[in-house]
PDB file of N, CA and C in Angstrom:
ATOM      1  N   MET A   1       4.436   4.161  17.835  1.00  0.00           N
ATOM      2  CA  MET A   1       5.357   3.055  17.842  1.00  0.00           C
ATOM      3  C   MET A   1       6.186   3.033  16.558  1.00  0.00           C
ATOM      4  N   CYS A   2       5.553   3.013  15.395  1.00  0.00           N
ATOM      5  CA  CYS A   2       6.271   3.046  14.130  1.00  0.00           C
ATOM      6  C   CYS A   2       5.924   4.352  13.433  1.00  0.00           C
ATOM      7  N   SER A   3       6.920   5.048  12.935  1.00  0.00           N
ATOM      8  CA  SER A   3       6.676   6.320  12.254  1.00  0.00           C
ATOM      9  C   SER A   3       6.210   6.073  10.829  1.00  0.00           C
ATOM     10  N   SER A   4       5.850   7.140  10.140  1.00  0.00           N
ATOM     11  CA  SER A   4       5.402   7.002   8.755  1.00  0.00           C
ATOM     12  C   SER A   4       6.541   6.590   7.828  1.00  0.00           C
ATOM     13  N   LYS A   5       7.780   6.678   8.302  1.00  0.00           N
ATOM     14  CA  LYS A   5       8.924   6.297   7.478  1.00  0.00           C
ATOM     15  C   LYS A   5       9.394   4.882   7.761  1.00  0.00           C
ATOM     16  N   THR A   6       8.634   4.145   8.542  1.00  0.00           N
ATOM     17  CA  THR A   6       8.967   2.753   8.814  1.00  0.00           C
ATOM     18  C   THR A   6       7.734   1.899   8.584  1.00  0.00           C
ATOM     19  N   VAL A   7       7.947   0.629   8.388  1.00  0.00           N
ATOM     20  CA  VAL A   7       6.869  -0.338   8.309  1.00  0.00           C
ATOM     21  C   VAL A   7       7.075  -1.284   9.472  1.00  0.00           C
ATOM     22  N   CYS A   8       6.013  -1.659  10.119  1.00  0.00           N
ATOM     23  CA  CYS A   8       6.146  -2.565  11.260  1.00  0.00           C
ATOM     24  C   CYS A   8       5.941  -3.998  10.802  1.00  0.00           C
ATOM     25  N   ALA A   9       6.962  -4.792  10.920  1.00  0.00           N
ATOM     26  CA  ALA A   9       6.840  -6.227  10.680  1.00  0.00           C
ATOM     27  C   ALA A   9       6.564  -6.830  12.039  1.00  0.00           C
ATOM     28  N   SER A  10       5.493  -7.587  12.157  1.00  0.00           N
ATOM     29  CA  SER A  10       5.128  -8.056  13.486  1.00  0.00           C
ATOM     30  C   SER A  10       4.944  -9.556  13.529  1.00  0.00           C
ATOM     31  N   SER A  11       5.019 -10.064  14.720  1.00  0.00           N
ATOM     32  CA  SER A  11       4.676 -11.446  15.005  1.00  0.00           C
ATOM     33  C   SER A  11       3.863 -11.406  16.283  1.00  0.00           C
ATOM     34  N   MET A  12       3.417 -12.541  16.744  1.00  0.00           N
ATOM     35  CA  MET A  12       2.645 -12.548  17.976  1.00  0.00           C
ATOM     36  C   MET A  12       3.543 -12.258  19.174  1.00  0.00           C
ATOM     37  N   ILE A  13       4.840 -12.310  19.005  1.00  0.00           N
ATOM     38  CA  ILE A  13       5.761 -12.131  20.121  1.00  0.00           C
ATOM     39  C   ILE A  13       6.283 -10.705  20.210  1.00  0.00           C
ATOM     40  N   SER A  14       6.623 -10.099  19.081  1.00  0.00           N
ATOM     41  CA  SER A  14       7.219  -8.770  19.142  1.00  0.00           C
ATOM     42  C   SER A  14       6.917  -7.979  17.889  1.00  0.00           C
ATOM     43  N   VAL A  15       7.178  -6.688  17.959  1.00  0.00           N
ATOM     44  CA  VAL A  15       7.022  -5.811  16.808  1.00  0.00           C
ATOM     45  C   VAL A  15       8.379  -5.216  16.505  1.00  0.00           C
ATOM     46  N   LEU A  16       8.783  -5.296  15.242  1.00  0.00           N
ATOM     47  CA  LEU A  16      10.097  -4.826  14.820  1.00  0.00           C
ATOM     48  C   LEU A  16       9.926  -3.752  13.760  1.00  0.00           C
ATOM     49  N   PRO A  17      10.274  -2.486  14.062  1.00  0.00           N
ATOM     50  CA  PRO A  17      10.178  -1.470  13.023  1.00  0.00           C
ATOM     51  C   PRO A  17      11.317  -1.625  12.016  1.00  0.00           C
ATOM     52  N   ILE A  18      10.966  -1.603  10.737  1.00  0.00           N
ATOM     53  CA  ILE A  18      11.968  -1.733   9.679  1.00  0.00           C
ATOM     54  C   ILE A  18      12.029  -0.410   8.944  1.00  0.00           C
ATOM     55  N   SER A  19      13.181   0.221   8.900  1.00  0.00           N
ATOM     56  CA  SER A  19      13.323   1.492   8.216  1.00  0.00           C
ATOM     57  C   SER A  19      13.743   1.255   6.777  1.00  0.00           C
ATOM     58  N   PHE A  20      12.857   1.625   5.842  1.00  0.00           N
ATOM     59  CA  PHE A  20      13.166   1.445   4.433  1.00  0.00           C
ATOM     60  C   PHE A  20      14.077   2.557   3.922  1.00  0.00           C
ATOM     61  N   GLU A  21      13.967   3.741   4.508  1.00  0.00           N
ATOM     62  CA  GLU A  21      14.826   4.841   4.067  1.00  0.00           C
ATOM     63  C   GLU A  21      16.298   4.507   4.297  1.00  0.00           C
ATOM     64  N   LYS A  22      16.579   3.846   5.393  1.00  0.00           N
ATOM     65  CA  LYS A  22      17.959   3.499   5.737  1.00  0.00           C
ATOM     66  C   LYS A  22      18.623   2.689   4.629  1.00  0.00           C
ATOM     67  N   TYR A  23      17.844   1.844   3.960  1.00  0.00           N
ATOM     68  CA  TYR A  23      18.374   0.969   2.924  1.00  0.00           C
ATOM     69  C   TYR A  23      18.046   1.463   1.513  1.00  0.00           C
ATOM     70  N   GLY A  24      17.413   2.626   1.418  1.00  0.00           N
ATOM     71  CA  GLY A  24      17.092   3.181   0.102  1.00  0.00           C
ATOM     72  C   GLY A  24      15.990   2.442  -0.621  1.00  0.00           C
ATOM     73  N   ILE A  25      15.094   1.829   0.123  1.00  0.00           N
ATOM     74  CA  ILE A  25      14.007   1.045  -0.456  1.00  0.00           C
ATOM     75  C   ILE A  25      12.699   1.787  -0.224  1.00  0.00           C
ATOM     76  N   LEU A  26      11.884   1.892  -1.253  1.00  0.00           N
ATOM     77  CA  LEU A  26      10.569   2.501  -1.100  1.00  0.00           C
ATOM     78  C   LEU A  26       9.572   1.433  -0.687  1.00  0.00           C
ATOM     79  N   LYS A  27       8.842   1.665   0.378  1.00  0.00           N
ATOM     80  CA  LYS A  27       7.941   0.636   0.887  1.00  0.00           C
ATOM     81  C   LYS A  27       6.833   0.272  -0.095  1.00  0.00           C
ATOM     82  N   GLU A  28       6.462   1.179  -0.995  1.00  0.00           N
ATOM     83  CA  GLU A  28       5.396   0.874  -1.938  1.00  0.00           C
ATOM     84  C   GLU A  28       5.771  -0.242  -2.902  1.00  0.00           C
ATOM     85  N   ASN A  29       7.040  -0.514  -3.068  1.00  0.00           N
ATOM     86  CA  ASN A  29       7.483  -1.509  -4.036  1.00  0.00           C
ATOM     87  C   ASN A  29       7.636  -2.911  -3.456  1.00  0.00           C
ATOM     88  N   TYR A  30       7.411  -3.079  -2.167  1.00  0.00           N
ATOM     89  CA  TYR A  30       7.704  -4.356  -1.538  1.00  0.00           C
ATOM     90  C   TYR A  30       6.550  -4.847  -0.682  1.00  0.00           C
ATOM     91  N   LEU A  31       6.350  -6.154  -0.712  1.00  0.00           N
ATOM     92  CA  LEU A  31       5.432  -6.796   0.215  1.00  0.00           C
ATOM     93  C   LEU A  31       6.238  -7.252   1.417  1.00  0.00           C
ATOM     94  N   ILE A  32       5.707  -7.050   2.589  1.00  0.00           N
ATOM     95  CA  ILE A  32       6.368  -7.503   3.800  1.00  0.00           C
ATOM     96  C   ILE A  32       5.534  -8.645   4.361  1.00  0.00           C
ATOM     97  N   GLY A  33       6.102  -9.828   4.433  1.00  0.00           N
ATOM     98  CA  GLY A  33       5.400 -10.969   4.986  1.00  0.00           C
ATOM     99  C   GLY A  33       5.169 -12.051   3.956  1.00  0.00           C
ATOM    100  N   SER A  34       4.502 -13.106   4.398  1.00  0.00           N
ATOM    101  CA  SER A  34       4.192 -14.247   3.541  1.00  0.00           C
ATOM    102  C   SER A  34       2.782 -14.096   2.994  1.00  0.00           C
ATOM    103  N   PRO A  35       2.604 -14.220   1.684  1.00  0.00           N
ATOM    104  CA  PRO A  35       1.281 -14.012   1.087  1.00  0.00           C
ATOM    105  C   PRO A  35       0.160 -14.845   1.699  1.00  0.00           C
ATOM    106  N   LEU A  36       0.428 -16.072   2.132  1.00  0.00           N
ATOM    107  CA  LEU A  36      -0.621 -16.898   2.720  1.00  0.00           C
ATOM    108  C   LEU A  36      -1.207 -16.274   3.985  1.00  0.00           C
ATOM    109  N   TYR A  37      -0.465 -15.408   4.635  1.00  0.00           N
ATOM    110  CA  TYR A  37      -0.909 -14.783   5.883  1.00  0.00           C
ATOM    111  C   TYR A  37      -1.432 -13.364   5.673  1.00  0.00           C
ATOM    112  N   MET A  38      -1.453 -12.902   4.426  1.00  0.00           N
ATOM    113  CA  MET A  38      -1.836 -11.518   4.138  1.00  0.00           C
ATOM    114  C   MET A  38      -3.293 -11.405   3.722  1.00  0.00           C
ATOM    115  N   PRO A  39      -3.957 -10.354   4.198  1.00  0.00           N
ATOM    116  CA  PRO A  39      -5.307 -10.085   3.696  1.00  0.00           C
ATOM    117  C   PRO A  39      -5.239  -9.503   2.284  1.00  0.00           C
ATOM    118  N   ASN A  40      -6.368  -9.514   1.598  1.00  0.00           N
ATOM    119  CA  ASN A  40      -6.394  -9.045   0.209  1.00  0.00           C
ATOM    120  C   ASN A  40      -5.928  -7.609   0.051  1.00  0.00           C
ATOM    121  N   GLU A  41      -6.240  -6.740   1.020  1.00  0.00           N
ATOM    122  CA  GLU A  41      -5.827  -5.342   0.859  1.00  0.00           C
ATOM    123  C   GLU A  41      -4.310  -5.199   0.823  1.00  0.00           C
ATOM    124  N   SER A  42      -3.592  -6.106   1.449  1.00  0.00           N
ATOM    125  CA  SER A  42      -2.126  -6.087   1.377  1.00  0.00           C
ATOM    126  C   SER A  42      -1.633  -6.675   0.071  1.00  0.00           C
ATOM    127  N   LEU A  43      -2.264  -7.757  -0.363  1.00  0.00           N
ATOM    128  CA  LEU A  43      -1.854  -8.404  -1.611  1.00  0.00           C
ATOM    129  C   LEU A  43      -2.118  -7.507  -2.813  1.00  0.00           C
ATOM    130  N   GLN A  44      -3.232  -6.802  -2.804  1.00  0.00           N
ATOM    131  CA  GLN A  44      -3.610  -5.981  -3.956  1.00  0.00           C
ATOM    132  C   GLN A  44      -2.947  -4.611  -3.946  1.00  0.00           C
ATOM    133  N   ASP A  45      -2.977  -3.947  -2.796  1.00  0.00           N
ATOM    134  CA  ASP A  45      -2.598  -2.537  -2.748  1.00  0.00           C
ATOM    135  C   ASP A  45      -1.434  -2.218  -1.818  1.00  0.00           C
ATOM    136  N   ASN A  46      -0.803  -3.222  -1.252  1.00  0.00           N
ATOM    137  CA  ASN A  46       0.289  -3.009  -0.289  1.00  0.00           C
ATOM    138  C   ASN A  46      -0.143  -2.148   0.890  1.00  0.00           C
ATOM    139  N   LEU A  47      -1.389  -2.284   1.333  1.00  0.00           N
ATOM    140  CA  LEU A  47      -1.867  -1.517   2.476  1.00  0.00           C
ATOM    141  C   LEU A  47      -1.569  -2.282   3.759  1.00  0.00           C
ATOM    142  N   TYR A  48      -1.033  -1.580   4.736  1.00  0.00           N
ATOM    143  CA  TYR A  48      -0.664  -2.199   5.999  1.00  0.00           C
ATOM    144  C   TYR A  48      -1.382  -1.507   7.144  1.00  0.00           C
ATOM    145  N   SER A  49      -1.875  -2.297   8.076  1.00  0.00           N
ATOM    146  CA  SER A  49      -2.464  -1.765   9.301  1.00  0.00           C
ATOM    147  C   SER A  49      -2.378  -2.855  10.355  1.00  0.00           C
ATOM    148  N   THR A  50      -2.795  -2.537  11.546  1.00  0.00           N
ATOM    149  CA  THR A  50      -2.791  -3.551  12.606  1.00  0.00           C
ATOM    150  C   THR A  50      -3.817  -4.645  12.316  1.00  0.00           C
ATOM    151  N   LYS A  51      -4.773  -4.360  11.439  1.00  0.00           N
ATOM    152  CA  LYS A  51      -5.752  -5.390  11.059  1.00  0.00           C
ATOM    153  C   LYS A  51      -5.099  -6.507  10.253  1.00  0.00           C
ATOM    154  N   ASN A  52      -3.947  -6.237   9.636  1.00  0.00           N
ATOM    155  CA  ASN A  52      -3.192  -7.292   8.952  1.00  0.00           C
ATOM    156  C   ASN A  52      -2.743  -8.339   9.965  1.00  0.00           C
ATOM    157  N   ASP A  53      -2.331  -7.882  11.139  1.00  0.00           N
ATOM    158  CA  ASP A  53      -1.887  -8.807  12.182  1.00  0.00           C
ATOM    159  C   ASP A  53      -3.049  -9.672  12.669  1.00  0.00           C
ATOM    160  N   SER A  54      -4.235  -9.075  12.766  1.00  0.00           N
ATOM    161  CA  SER A  54      -5.416  -9.840  13.158  1.00  0.00           C
ATOM    162  C   SER A  54      -5.699 -10.938  12.141  1.00  0.00           C
ATOM    163  N   PHE A  55      -5.616 -10.590  10.864  1.00  0.00           N
ATOM    164  CA  PHE A  55      -5.842 -11.561   9.797  1.00  0.00           C
ATOM    165  C   PHE A  55      -4.811 -12.695   9.878  1.00  0.00           C
ATOM    166  N   ALA A  56      -3.541 -12.339  10.043  1.00  0.00           N
ATOM    167  CA  ALA A  56      -2.476 -13.350  10.128  1.00  0.00           C
ATOM    168  C   ALA A  56      -2.700 -14.270  11.327  1.00  0.00           C
ATOM    169  N   LEU A  57      -3.160 -13.712  12.434  1.00  0.00           N
ATOM    170  CA  LEU A  57      -3.469 -14.540  13.606  1.00  0.00           C
ATOM    171  C   LEU A  57      -4.584 -15.518  13.283  1.00  0.00           C
ATOM    172  N   GLY A  58      -5.599 -15.067  12.554  1.00  0.00           N
ATOM    173  CA  GLY A  58      -6.678 -15.968  12.146  1.00  0.00           C
ATOM    174  C   GLY A  58      -6.175 -17.118  11.294  1.00  0.00           C
ATOM    175  N   VAL A  59      -5.262 -16.822  10.378  1.00  0.00           N
ATOM    176  CA  VAL A  59      -4.663 -17.873   9.546  1.00  0.00           C
ATOM    177  C   VAL A  59      -3.903 -18.864  10.424  1.00  0.00           C
ATOM    178  N   CYS A  60      -3.140 -18.354  11.386  1.00  0.00           N
ATOM    179  CA  CYS A  60      -2.365 -19.222  12.288  1.00  0.00           C
ATOM    180  C   CYS A  60      -3.285 -20.133  13.106  1.00  0.00           C
ATOM    181  N   ILE A  61      -4.342 -19.569  13.665  1.00  0.00           N
ATOM    182  CA  ILE A  61      -5.271 -20.375  14.470  1.00  0.00           C
ATOM    183  C   ILE A  61      -5.930 -21.440  13.596  1.00  0.00           C
ATOM    184  N   TYR A  62      -6.383 -21.048  12.404  1.00  0.00           N
ATOM    185  CA  TYR A  62      -7.006 -22.007  11.485  1.00  0.00           C
ATOM    186  C   TYR A  62      -6.031 -23.141  11.174  1.00  0.00           C
ATOM    187  N   TYR A  63      -4.785 -22.796  10.890  1.00  0.00           N
ATOM    188  CA  TYR A  63      -3.786 -23.814  10.562  1.00  0.00           C
ATOM    189  C   TYR A  63      -3.519 -24.734  11.753  1.00  0.00           C
ATOM    190  N   LEU A  64      -3.401 -24.174  12.944  1.00  0.00           N
ATOM    191  CA  LEU A  64      -3.141 -24.995  14.130  1.00  0.00           C
ATOM    192  C   LEU A  64      -4.257 -26.004  14.371  1.00  0.00           C
ATOM    193  N   ILE A  65      -5.477 -25.622  14.073  1.00  0.00           N
ATOM    194  CA  ILE A  65      -6.623 -26.508  14.296  1.00  0.00           C
ATOM    195  C   ILE A  65      -6.775 -27.537  13.185  1.00  0.00           C
ATOM    196  N   THR A  66      -6.584 -27.121  11.937  1.00  0.00           N
ATOM    197  CA  THR A  66      -6.881 -28.003  10.795  1.00  0.00           C
ATOM    198  C   THR A  66      -5.648 -28.611  10.129  1.00  0.00           C
ATOM    199  N   ARG A  67      -4.487 -28.056  10.396  1.00  0.00           N
ATOM    200  CA  ARG A  67      -3.234 -28.447   9.735  1.00  0.00           C
ATOM    201  C   ARG A  67      -3.254 -28.124   8.239  1.00  0.00           C
ATOM    202  N   ARG A  68      -4.093 -27.163   7.865  1.00  0.00           N
ATOM    203  CA  ARG A  68      -4.189 -26.678   6.488  1.00  0.00           C
ATOM    204  C   ARG A  68      -4.378 -25.164   6.517  1.00  0.00           C
ATOM    205  N   PHE A  69      -3.942 -24.518   5.446  1.00  0.00           N
ATOM    206  CA  PHE A  69      -4.197 -23.087   5.337  1.00  0.00           C
ATOM    207  C   PHE A  69      -5.632 -22.893   4.860  1.00  0.00           C
ATOM    208  N   PRO A  70      -6.247 -21.774   5.215  1.00  0.00           N
ATOM    209  CA  PRO A  70      -7.622 -21.549   4.778  1.00  0.00           C
ATOM    210  C   PRO A  70      -7.754 -21.431   3.260  1.00  0.00           C
ATOM    211  N   TRP A  71      -6.688 -21.008   2.576  1.00  0.00           N
ATOM    212  CA  TRP A  71      -6.712 -20.839   1.122  1.00  0.00           C
ATOM    213  C   TRP A  71      -5.457 -21.454   0.521  1.00  0.00           C
ATOM    214  N   LYS A  72      -5.553 -21.811  -0.750  1.00  0.00           N
ATOM    215  CA  LYS A  72      -4.400 -22.375  -1.448  1.00  0.00           C
ATOM    216  C   LYS A  72      -3.885 -21.374  -2.475  1.00  0.00           C
ATOM    217  N   GLY A  73      -2.592 -21.354  -2.639  1.00  0.00           N
ATOM    218  CA  GLY A  73      -1.952 -20.509  -3.627  1.00  0.00           C
ATOM    219  C   GLY A  73      -0.459 -20.508  -3.380  1.00  0.00           C
ATOM    220  N   ARG A  74       0.318 -20.562  -4.456  1.00  0.00           N
ATOM    221  CA  ARG A  74       1.776 -20.590  -4.320  1.00  0.00           C
ATOM    222  C   ARG A  74       2.394 -19.208  -4.291  1.00  0.00           C
ATOM    223  N   ASN A  75       1.613 -18.206  -4.741  1.00  0.00           N
ATOM    224  CA  ASN A  75       2.143 -16.845  -4.775  1.00  0.00           C
ATOM    225  C   ASN A  75       0.995 -15.850  -4.713  1.00  0.00           C
ATOM    226  N   LYS A  76       1.339 -14.585  -4.702  1.00  0.00           N
ATOM    227  CA  LYS A  76       0.361 -13.499  -4.607  1.00  0.00           C
ATOM    228  C   LYS A  76      -0.701 -13.585  -5.698  1.00  0.00           C
ATOM    229  N   GLU A  77      -0.283 -13.807  -6.933  1.00  0.00           N
ATOM    230  CA  GLU A  77      -1.206 -13.845  -8.057  1.00  0.00           C
ATOM    231  C   GLU A  77      -2.217 -14.984  -7.930  1.00  0.00           C
ATOM    232  N   GLU A  78      -1.745 -16.170  -7.550  1.00  0.00           N
ATOM    233  CA  GLU A  78      -2.653 -17.310  -7.387  1.00  0.00           C
ATOM    234  C   GLU A  78      -3.648 -17.067  -6.265  1.00  0.00           C
ATOM    235  N   LEU A  79      -3.203 -16.456  -5.188  1.00  0.00           N
ATOM    236  CA  LEU A  79      -4.104 -16.179  -4.073  1.00  0.00           C
ATOM    237  C   LEU A  79      -5.189 -15.182  -4.475  1.00  0.00           C
ATOM    238  N   LEU A  80      -4.826 -14.175  -5.239  1.00  0.00           N
ATOM    239  CA  LEU A  80      -5.807 -13.172  -5.648  1.00  0.00           C
ATOM    240  C   LEU A  80      -6.792 -13.710  -6.688  1.00  0.00           C
ATOM    241  N   LYS A  81      -6.343 -14.620  -7.555  1.00  0.00           N
ATOM    242  CA  LYS A  81      -7.216 -15.209  -8.576  1.00  0.00           C
ATOM    243  C   LYS A  81      -8.170 -16.229  -7.972  1.00  0.00           C
ATOM    244  N   ASN A  82      -7.777 -16.803  -6.866  1.00  0.00           N
ATOM    245  CA  ASN A  82      -8.521 -17.896  -6.264  1.00  0.00           C
ATOM    246  C   ASN A  82      -9.830 -17.387  -5.653  1.00  0.00           C
ATOM    247  N   ASP A  83     -10.959 -17.732  -6.261  1.00  0.00           N
ATOM    248  CA  ASP A  83     -12.254 -17.313  -5.725  1.00  0.00           C
ATOM    249  C   ASP A  83     -12.511 -17.899  -4.347  1.00  0.00           C
ATOM    250  N   LYS A  84     -11.861 -19.004  -4.049  1.00  0.00           N
ATOM    251  CA  LYS A  84     -12.037 -19.623  -2.735  1.00  0.00           C
ATOM    252  C   LYS A  84     -11.470 -18.743  -1.625  1.00  0.00           C
ATOM    253  N   ARG A  85     -10.678 -17.763  -1.980  1.00  0.00           N
ATOM    254  CA  ARG A  85     -10.107 -16.840  -1.007  1.00  0.00           C
ATOM    255  C   ARG A  85     -11.205 -16.085  -0.257  1.00  0.00           C
ATOM    256  N   LYS A  86     -12.383 -16.002  -0.878  1.00  0.00           N
ATOM    257  CA  LYS A  86     -13.485 -15.285  -0.252  1.00  0.00           C
ATOM    258  C   LYS A  86     -14.132 -16.087   0.875  1.00  0.00           C
ATOM    259  N   SER A  87     -13.908 -17.385   0.896  1.00  0.00           N
ATOM    260  CA  SER A  87     -14.450 -18.221   1.970  1.00  0.00           C
ATOM    261  C   SER A  87     -13.477 -19.361   2.242  1.00  0.00           C
ATOM    262  N   TYR A  88     -13.665 -20.024   3.335  1.00  0.00           N
ATOM    263  CA  TYR A  88     -12.791 -21.140   3.707  1.00  0.00           C
ATOM    264  C   TYR A  88     -13.671 -22.282   4.195  1.00  0.00           C
ATOM    265  N   ASN A  89     -13.077 -23.438   4.376  1.00  0.00           N
ATOM    266  CA  ASN A  89     -13.809 -24.639   4.754  1.00  0.00           C
ATOM    267  C   ASN A  89     -14.188 -24.585   6.234  1.00  0.00           C
ATOM    268  N   THR A  90     -15.428 -24.208   6.511  1.00  0.00           N
ATOM    269  CA  THR A  90     -15.888 -24.121   7.900  1.00  0.00           C
ATOM    270  C   THR A  90     -16.219 -25.492   8.480  1.00  0.00           C
ATOM    271  N   LYS A  91     -16.385 -26.502   7.625  1.00  0.00           N
ATOM    272  CA  LYS A  91     -16.691 -27.854   8.119  1.00  0.00           C
ATOM    273  C   LYS A  91     -15.555 -28.381   8.991  1.00  0.00           C
ATOM    274  N   LYS A  92     -14.336 -27.961   8.675  1.00  0.00           N
ATOM    275  CA  LYS A  92     -13.183 -28.409   9.465  1.00  0.00           C
ATOM    276  C   LYS A  92     -13.198 -27.819  10.874  1.00  0.00           C
ATOM    277  N   LEU A  93     -14.061 -26.824  11.098  1.00  0.00           N
ATOM    278  CA  LEU A  93     -14.139 -26.162  12.404  1.00  0.00           C
ATOM    279  C   LEU A  93     -15.408 -26.547  13.164  1.00  0.00           C
ATOM    280  N   SER A  94     -16.199 -27.457  12.608  1.00  0.00           N
ATOM    281  CA  SER A  94     -17.514 -27.769  13.174  1.00  0.00           C
ATOM    282  C   SER A  94     -17.451 -28.309  14.605  1.00  0.00           C
ATOM    283  N   HIS A  95     -16.355 -28.918  14.996  1.00  0.00           N
ATOM    284  CA  HIS A  95     -16.236 -29.493  16.335  1.00  0.00           C
ATOM    285  C   HIS A  95     -15.893 -28.459  17.406  1.00  0.00           C
ATOM    286  N   LEU A  96     -15.642 -27.234  16.997  1.00  0.00           N
ATOM    287  CA  LEU A  96     -15.217 -26.183  17.926  1.00  0.00           C
ATOM    288  C   LEU A  96     -16.406 -25.485  18.575  1.00  0.00           C
ATOM    289  N   PRO A  97     -16.184 -24.921  19.769  1.00  0.00           N
ATOM    290  CA  PRO A  97     -17.244 -24.125  20.401  1.00  0.00           C
ATOM    291  C   PRO A  97     -17.588 -22.911  19.531  1.00  0.00           C
ATOM    292  N   PRO A  98     -18.827 -22.447  19.580  1.00  0.00           N
ATOM    293  CA  PRO A  98     -19.237 -21.298  18.763  1.00  0.00           C
ATOM    294  C   PRO A  98     -18.358 -20.059  18.947  1.00  0.00           C
ATOM    295  N   ARG A  99     -17.884 -19.798  20.142  1.00  0.00           N
ATOM    296  CA  ARG A  99     -17.036 -18.622  20.371  1.00  0.00           C
ATOM    297  C   ARG A  99     -15.737 -18.688  19.583  1.00  0.00           C
ATOM    298  N   VAL A 100     -15.164 -19.870  19.490  1.00  0.00           N
ATOM    299  CA  VAL A 100     -13.911 -20.040  18.749  1.00  0.00           C
ATOM    300  C   VAL A 100     -14.169 -19.869  17.252  1.00  0.00           C
ATOM    301  N   LYS A 101     -15.263 -20.441  16.756  1.00  0.00           N
ATOM    302  CA  LYS A 101     -15.614 -20.282  15.340  1.00  0.00           C
ATOM    303  C   LYS A 101     -15.862 -18.810  15.014  1.00  0.00           C
ATOM    304  N   HIS A 102     -16.524 -18.108  15.912  1.00  0.00           N
ATOM    305  CA  HIS A 102     -16.785 -16.676  15.720  1.00  0.00           C
ATOM    306  C   HIS A 102     -15.472 -15.881  15.714  1.00  0.00           C
ATOM    307  N   LEU A 103     -14.552 -16.233  16.590  1.00  0.00           N
ATOM    308  CA  LEU A 103     -13.245 -15.570  16.637  1.00  0.00           C
ATOM    309  C   LEU A 103     -12.507 -15.749  15.317  1.00  0.00           C
ATOM    310  N   ILE A 104     -12.439 -16.977  14.830  1.00  0.00           N
ATOM    311  CA  ILE A 104     -11.731 -17.255  13.574  1.00  0.00           C
ATOM    312  C   ILE A 104     -12.397 -16.514  12.423  1.00  0.00           C
ATOM    313  N   ALA A 105     -13.716 -16.556  12.361  1.00  0.00           N
ATOM    314  CA  ALA A 105     -14.438 -15.859  11.288  1.00  0.00           C
ATOM    315  C   ALA A 105     -14.169 -14.356  11.353  1.00  0.00           C
ATOM    316  N   GLY A 106     -14.129 -13.791  12.546  1.00  0.00           N
ATOM    317  CA  GLY A 106     -13.867 -12.363  12.696  1.00  0.00           C
ATOM    318  C   GLY A 106     -12.460 -11.979  12.298  1.00  0.00           C
ATOM    319  N   LEU A 107     -11.501 -12.842  12.583  1.00  0.00           N
ATOM    320  CA  LEU A 107     -10.105 -12.567  12.231  1.00  0.00           C
ATOM    321  C   LEU A 107      -9.861 -12.740  10.732  1.00  0.00           C
ATOM    322  N   LEU A 108     -10.577 -13.666  10.104  1.00  0.00           N
ATOM    323  CA  LEU A 108     -10.393 -13.930   8.674  1.00  0.00           C
ATOM    324  C   LEU A 108     -11.353 -13.133   7.794  1.00  0.00           C
ATOM    325  N   GLU A 109     -12.031 -12.173   8.364  1.00  0.00           N
ATOM    326  CA  GLU A 109     -12.949 -11.315   7.598  1.00  0.00           C
ATOM    327  C   GLU A 109     -12.180 -10.595   6.496  1.00  0.00           C
ATOM    328  N   MET A 110     -12.699 -10.651   5.260  1.00  0.00           N
ATOM    329  CA  MET A 110     -12.020 -10.021   4.126  1.00  0.00           C
ATOM    330  C   MET A 110     -12.132  -8.504   4.123  1.00  0.00           C
ATOM    331  N   LYS A 111     -13.206  -7.958   4.663  1.00  0.00           N
ATOM    332  CA  LYS A 111     -13.371  -6.500   4.706  1.00  0.00           C
ATOM    333  C   LYS A 111     -12.662  -5.971   5.954  1.00  0.00           C
ATOM    334  N   PRO A 112     -11.594  -5.192   5.788  1.00  0.00           N
ATOM    335  CA  PRO A 112     -10.825  -4.749   6.943  1.00  0.00           C
ATOM    336  C   PRO A 112     -11.644  -3.951   7.954  1.00  0.00           C
ATOM    337  N   GLU A 113     -12.651  -3.204   7.496  1.00  0.00           N
ATOM    338  CA  GLU A 113     -13.454  -2.415   8.432  1.00  0.00           C
ATOM    339  C   GLU A 113     -14.356  -3.283   9.298  1.00  0.00           C
ATOM    340  N   GLN A 114     -14.574  -4.547   8.900  1.00  0.00           N
ATOM    341  CA  GLN A 114     -15.395  -5.465   9.683  1.00  0.00           C
ATOM    342  C   GLN A 114     -14.552  -6.502  10.438  1.00  0.00           C
ATOM    343  N   ARG A 115     -13.263  -6.550  10.163  1.00  0.00           N
ATOM    344  CA  ARG A 115     -12.363  -7.519  10.775  1.00  0.00           C
ATOM    345  C   ARG A 115     -12.149  -7.210  12.260  1.00  0.00           C
ATOM    346  N   LEU A 116     -12.071  -8.260  13.063  1.00  0.00           N
ATOM    347  CA  LEU A 116     -11.777  -8.074  14.487  1.00  0.00           C
ATOM    348  C   LEU A 116     -10.418  -7.384  14.636  1.00  0.00           C
ATOM    349  N   HIS A 117     -10.338  -6.528  15.597  1.00  0.00           N
ATOM    350  CA  HIS A 117      -9.108  -5.786  15.845  1.00  0.00           C
ATOM    351  C   HIS A 117      -8.572  -6.182  17.209  1.00  0.00           C
ATOM    352  N   LEU A 118      -7.342  -6.603  17.251  1.00  0.00           N
ATOM    353  CA  LEU A 118      -6.734  -7.021  18.526  1.00  0.00           C
ATOM    354  C   LEU A 118      -5.956  -5.899  19.169  1.00  0.00           C
TER     355      LEU A 118
END
C-alpha cells in the first residue's frame, strides 16, 4: 500500500500516502500526527507502523468514553517526561464490560509487540 519512500498518514476512515521525496523532506526529521495520539516509539524514535493506528484508536475510544485523554501533556517532551504515560486512569472505565476494558488496554499497550493489531 505505501512504499518505503512514503509515510502513511491514516485515520479510521482512509489511508493517505504522503510522499516526502516529492517535497524534499526527509521523514526522519518530522513527526506525523498529534502527539497525544502517538505511542512512545513514535514520540521517541519516529518509528511508524500499523500498531500506531491501533494505539491512536485506543486513545480515541478512551476519550469518547471519558471525555479526557489518557495522558496529559502539551507537547512531545511533556508526554515523554510524564511517568503517568505508562498507565492511565482505569477507574473511569469501571462501568464498562470486561471485553471493552480489555480492548482499550490492548490498544493502549506501551510495548508495540504486545499491542493489539487491527
